[in-house]
């Protein structure tokens, strides 16, 4: 499967398991399959929802940030890849 680096984690809320992702290339949408990676650690998941300032959105484009729920703990600086 092809992977494209689209952004990075800019914040992680550990109590609620939510990250803020900044898209630096392309776009991110509900339903996309993504991978979080930092060194040897990585995991994949589907984007089930996106929120900007507590408002649900369907997608975000380059330069925007949105929050999404994650299945595993991550930290700031982790890379985010879209899986095609």
N, C-alpha and C. Protein backbone atom coordinates (compact mmCIF):
# COMPACT_ATOMS: atom_id res chain seq x y z
N UNK A 1 0.84 -1.19 0.00
CA UNK A 1 0.00 0.00 0.00
C UNK A 1 0.88 1.25 0.00
N UNK A 2 0.45 2.25 -0.75
CA UNK A 2 1.19 3.50 -0.82
C UNK A 2 0.87 4.37 0.39
N UNK A 3 1.90 5.00 0.90
CA UNK A 3 1.74 5.92 2.03
C UNK A 3 2.27 7.28 1.63
N UNK A 4 1.58 8.34 2.08
CA UNK A 4 2.00 9.69 1.80
C UNK A 4 2.03 10.47 3.10
N UNK A 5 3.18 11.07 3.41
CA UNK A 5 3.30 11.91 4.60
C UNK A 5 2.45 13.15 4.38
N UNK A 6 1.45 13.35 5.25
CA UNK A 6 0.57 14.50 5.08
C UNK A 6 0.68 15.51 6.21
N UNK A 7 1.26 15.13 7.34
CA UNK A 7 1.34 16.08 8.44
C UNK A 7 1.96 15.50 9.68
N UNK A 8 1.69 16.19 10.80
CA UNK A 8 2.25 15.72 12.07
C UNK A 8 1.32 16.05 13.22
N UNK A 9 1.57 15.39 14.33
CA UNK A 9 0.82 15.62 15.56
C UNK A 9 1.39 16.88 16.21
N UNK A 10 0.52 17.86 16.50
CA UNK A 10 0.98 19.08 17.16
C UNK A 10 0.57 19.13 18.63
N UNK A 11 -0.38 18.26 19.01
CA UNK A 11 -0.76 18.18 20.43
C UNK A 11 -1.47 16.85 20.68
N UNK A 12 -1.32 16.34 21.91
CA UNK A 12 -2.00 15.12 22.31
C UNK A 12 -2.65 15.33 23.66
N UNK A 13 -3.96 15.07 23.72
CA UNK A 13 -4.70 15.16 24.97
C UNK A 13 -4.83 13.74 25.52
N UNK A 14 -3.94 13.37 26.45
CA UNK A 14 -3.87 11.98 26.90
C UNK A 14 -5.10 11.53 27.68
N UNK A 15 -5.76 12.41 28.40
CA UNK A 15 -6.92 12.00 29.19
C UNK A 15 -8.10 11.58 28.33
N UNK A 16 -8.23 12.18 27.14
CA UNK A 16 -9.36 11.86 26.28
C UNK A 16 -8.94 11.13 25.00
N UNK A 17 -7.64 10.90 24.82
CA UNK A 17 -7.15 10.15 23.67
C UNK A 17 -7.39 10.83 22.34
N UNK A 18 -7.17 12.14 22.31
CA UNK A 18 -7.39 12.93 21.10
C UNK A 18 -6.09 13.63 20.71
N UNK A 19 -5.82 13.66 19.40
CA UNK A 19 -4.66 14.39 18.89
C UNK A 19 -5.13 15.56 18.05
N UNK A 20 -4.27 16.56 17.96
CA UNK A 20 -4.45 17.63 16.99
C UNK A 20 -3.42 17.39 15.90
N UNK A 21 -3.90 17.23 14.67
CA UNK A 21 -3.04 16.97 13.52
C UNK A 21 -3.00 18.21 12.65
N UNK A 22 -1.80 18.62 12.24
CA UNK A 22 -1.65 19.71 11.27
C UNK A 22 -1.33 19.09 9.93
N UNK A 23 -2.16 19.38 8.92
CA UNK A 23 -1.95 18.87 7.57
C UNK A 23 -0.97 19.81 6.86
N UNK A 24 0.16 19.25 6.43
CA UNK A 24 1.19 20.04 5.76
C UNK A 24 1.23 19.76 4.26
N UNK A 25 0.51 18.71 3.81
CA UNK A 25 0.48 18.35 2.40
C UNK A 25 -0.80 17.59 2.13
N UNK A 26 -1.51 17.94 1.06
CA UNK A 26 -2.72 17.21 0.69
C UNK A 26 -3.89 17.54 1.60
N UNK A 27 -4.65 16.50 1.95
CA UNK A 27 -5.85 16.68 2.77
C UNK A 27 -6.07 15.46 3.65
N UNK A 28 -6.99 15.60 4.59
CA UNK A 28 -7.37 14.51 5.49
C UNK A 28 -8.88 14.56 5.62
N UNK A 29 -9.53 13.40 5.47
CA UNK A 29 -10.99 13.36 5.51
C UNK A 29 -11.49 12.18 6.34
N UNK A 30 -12.71 12.31 6.83
CA UNK A 30 -13.37 11.22 7.54
C UNK A 30 -13.44 10.04 6.57
N UNK A 31 -13.06 8.85 7.06
CA UNK A 31 -13.04 7.65 6.24
C UNK A 31 -11.66 7.29 5.73
N UNK A 32 -10.72 8.25 5.74
CA UNK A 32 -9.35 7.96 5.31
C UNK A 32 -8.69 6.99 6.27
N UNK A 33 -7.79 6.17 5.76
CA UNK A 33 -6.98 5.30 6.60
C UNK A 33 -5.64 6.01 6.76
N UNK A 34 -5.18 6.12 8.01
CA UNK A 34 -3.94 6.82 8.29
C UNK A 34 -3.01 5.98 9.16
N UNK A 35 -1.75 6.38 9.17
CA UNK A 35 -0.75 5.72 10.00
C UNK A 35 -0.01 6.80 10.79
N UNK A 36 0.17 6.54 12.08
CA UNK A 36 0.98 7.39 12.93
C UNK A 36 2.33 6.71 13.09
N UNK A 37 3.42 7.46 12.95
CA UNK A 37 4.75 6.86 13.03
C UNK A 37 5.73 7.79 13.76
N UNK A 38 6.54 7.15 14.62
CA UNK A 38 7.64 7.84 15.29
C UNK A 38 8.72 6.80 15.52
N UNK A 39 9.81 6.89 14.77
CA UNK A 39 10.87 5.89 14.88
C UNK A 39 10.35 4.51 14.54
N UNK A 40 10.53 3.56 15.45
CA UNK A 40 10.08 2.19 15.23
C UNK A 40 8.61 1.98 15.60
N UNK A 41 8.01 2.93 16.28
CA UNK A 41 6.62 2.80 16.73
C UNK A 41 5.68 3.32 15.65
N UNK A 42 4.66 2.53 15.33
CA UNK A 42 3.65 2.96 14.38
C UNK A 42 2.37 2.16 14.57
N UNK A 43 1.26 2.77 14.16
CA UNK A 43 -0.02 2.06 14.14
C UNK A 43 -0.93 2.72 13.11
N UNK A 44 -1.89 1.93 12.63
CA UNK A 44 -2.84 2.40 11.63
C UNK A 44 -4.24 2.47 12.22
N UNK A 45 -5.05 3.36 11.66
CA UNK A 45 -6.45 3.44 12.04
C UNK A 45 -7.21 4.23 10.99
N UNK A 46 -8.52 4.13 11.03
CA UNK A 46 -9.38 4.92 10.15
C UNK A 46 -9.75 6.21 10.87
N UNK A 47 -9.95 7.27 10.09
CA UNK A 47 -10.41 8.54 10.65
C UNK A 47 -11.93 8.45 10.79
N UNK A 48 -12.40 8.42 12.03
CA UNK A 48 -13.84 8.27 12.28
C UNK A 48 -14.54 9.61 12.40
N UNK A 49 -13.79 10.65 12.82
CA UNK A 49 -14.37 12.00 12.90
C UNK A 49 -13.24 13.01 12.97
N UNK A 50 -13.54 14.22 12.56
CA UNK A 50 -12.61 15.35 12.64
C UNK A 50 -13.35 16.52 13.26
N UNK A 51 -12.64 17.29 14.09
CA UNK A 51 -13.25 18.46 14.70
C UNK A 51 -12.29 19.64 14.67
N UNK A 52 -12.86 20.81 14.40
CA UNK A 52 -12.12 22.07 14.51
C UNK A 52 -12.89 22.92 15.51
N UNK A 53 -12.23 23.28 16.61
CA UNK A 53 -12.88 24.07 17.67
C UNK A 53 -14.22 23.47 18.09
N UNK A 54 -14.23 22.16 18.32
CA UNK A 54 -15.40 21.40 18.78
C UNK A 54 -16.53 21.30 17.76
N UNK A 55 -16.28 21.70 16.52
CA UNK A 55 -17.27 21.59 15.44
C UNK A 55 -16.83 20.47 14.49
N UNK A 56 -17.75 19.54 14.20
CA UNK A 56 -17.43 18.44 13.30
C UNK A 56 -17.24 18.94 11.87
N UNK A 57 -16.23 18.42 11.20
CA UNK A 57 -15.97 18.73 9.79
C UNK A 57 -15.73 17.42 9.05
N UNK A 58 -15.94 17.43 7.74
CA UNK A 58 -15.74 16.23 6.93
C UNK A 58 -14.30 16.07 6.48
N UNK A 59 -13.60 17.21 6.30
CA UNK A 59 -12.21 17.14 5.81
C UNK A 59 -11.48 18.43 6.13
N UNK A 60 -10.15 18.35 6.07
CA UNK A 60 -9.30 19.53 6.22
C UNK A 60 -8.24 19.48 5.13
N UNK A 61 -7.74 20.66 4.78
CA UNK A 61 -6.73 20.76 3.73
C UNK A 61 -5.43 21.30 4.29
N UNK A 62 -4.43 21.37 3.43
CA UNK A 62 -3.09 21.85 3.78
C UNK A 62 -3.18 23.15 4.58
N UNK A 63 -2.41 23.21 5.67
CA UNK A 63 -2.34 24.39 6.50
C UNK A 63 -3.32 24.41 7.65
N UNK A 64 -4.27 23.47 7.68
CA UNK A 64 -5.29 23.44 8.73
C UNK A 64 -4.95 22.40 9.80
N UNK A 65 -5.56 22.57 10.97
CA UNK A 65 -5.41 21.63 12.08
C UNK A 65 -6.79 21.15 12.50
N UNK A 66 -6.85 19.88 12.93
CA UNK A 66 -8.11 19.33 13.43
C UNK A 66 -7.81 18.27 14.48
N UNK A 67 -8.78 18.05 15.35
CA UNK A 67 -8.66 17.02 16.36
C UNK A 67 -9.32 15.74 15.90
N UNK A 68 -8.73 14.61 16.33
CA UNK A 68 -9.34 13.32 16.06
C UNK A 68 -8.96 12.34 17.14
N UNK A 69 -9.86 11.40 17.40
CA UNK A 69 -9.65 10.37 18.41
C UNK A 69 -8.65 9.34 17.89
N UNK A 70 -7.73 8.90 18.75
CA UNK A 70 -6.75 7.89 18.35
C UNK A 70 -6.87 6.65 19.20
N UNK A 71 -6.44 5.52 18.61
CA UNK A 71 -6.55 4.23 19.28
C UNK A 71 -5.40 3.95 20.23
N UNK A 72 -4.28 4.67 20.06
CA UNK A 72 -3.10 4.47 20.90
C UNK A 72 -2.52 5.83 21.26
N UNK A 73 -1.72 5.85 22.32
CA UNK A 73 -1.08 7.09 22.75
C UNK A 73 0.01 7.50 21.77
N UNK A 74 0.07 8.80 21.50
CA UNK A 74 1.11 9.37 20.65
C UNK A 74 1.67 10.60 21.35
N UNK A 75 2.65 11.22 20.73
CA UNK A 75 3.22 12.45 21.29
C UNK A 75 3.38 13.47 20.18
N UNK A 76 3.59 14.71 20.59
CA UNK A 76 3.83 15.77 19.62
C UNK A 76 5.02 15.39 18.75
N UNK A 77 4.90 15.70 17.46
CA UNK A 77 5.99 15.43 16.54
C UNK A 77 5.85 14.14 15.75
N UNK A 78 4.93 13.24 16.17
CA UNK A 78 4.73 12.01 15.40
C UNK A 78 4.27 12.38 14.00
N UNK A 79 4.73 11.63 13.01
CA UNK A 79 4.32 11.85 11.62
C UNK A 79 3.00 11.17 11.34
N UNK A 80 2.21 11.77 10.44
CA UNK A 80 0.91 11.23 10.05
C UNK A 80 0.95 10.97 8.54
N UNK A 81 0.64 9.73 8.17
CA UNK A 81 0.64 9.31 6.77
C UNK A 81 -0.76 8.91 6.36
N UNK A 82 -1.14 9.25 5.11
CA UNK A 82 -2.40 8.77 4.54
C UNK A 82 -2.05 7.51 3.74
N UNK A 83 -2.85 6.47 3.91
CA UNK A 83 -2.62 5.19 3.23
C UNK A 83 -3.61 5.10 2.07
N UNK A 84 -3.05 4.88 0.87
CA UNK A 84 -3.90 4.80 -0.33
C UNK A 84 -4.16 3.35 -0.70
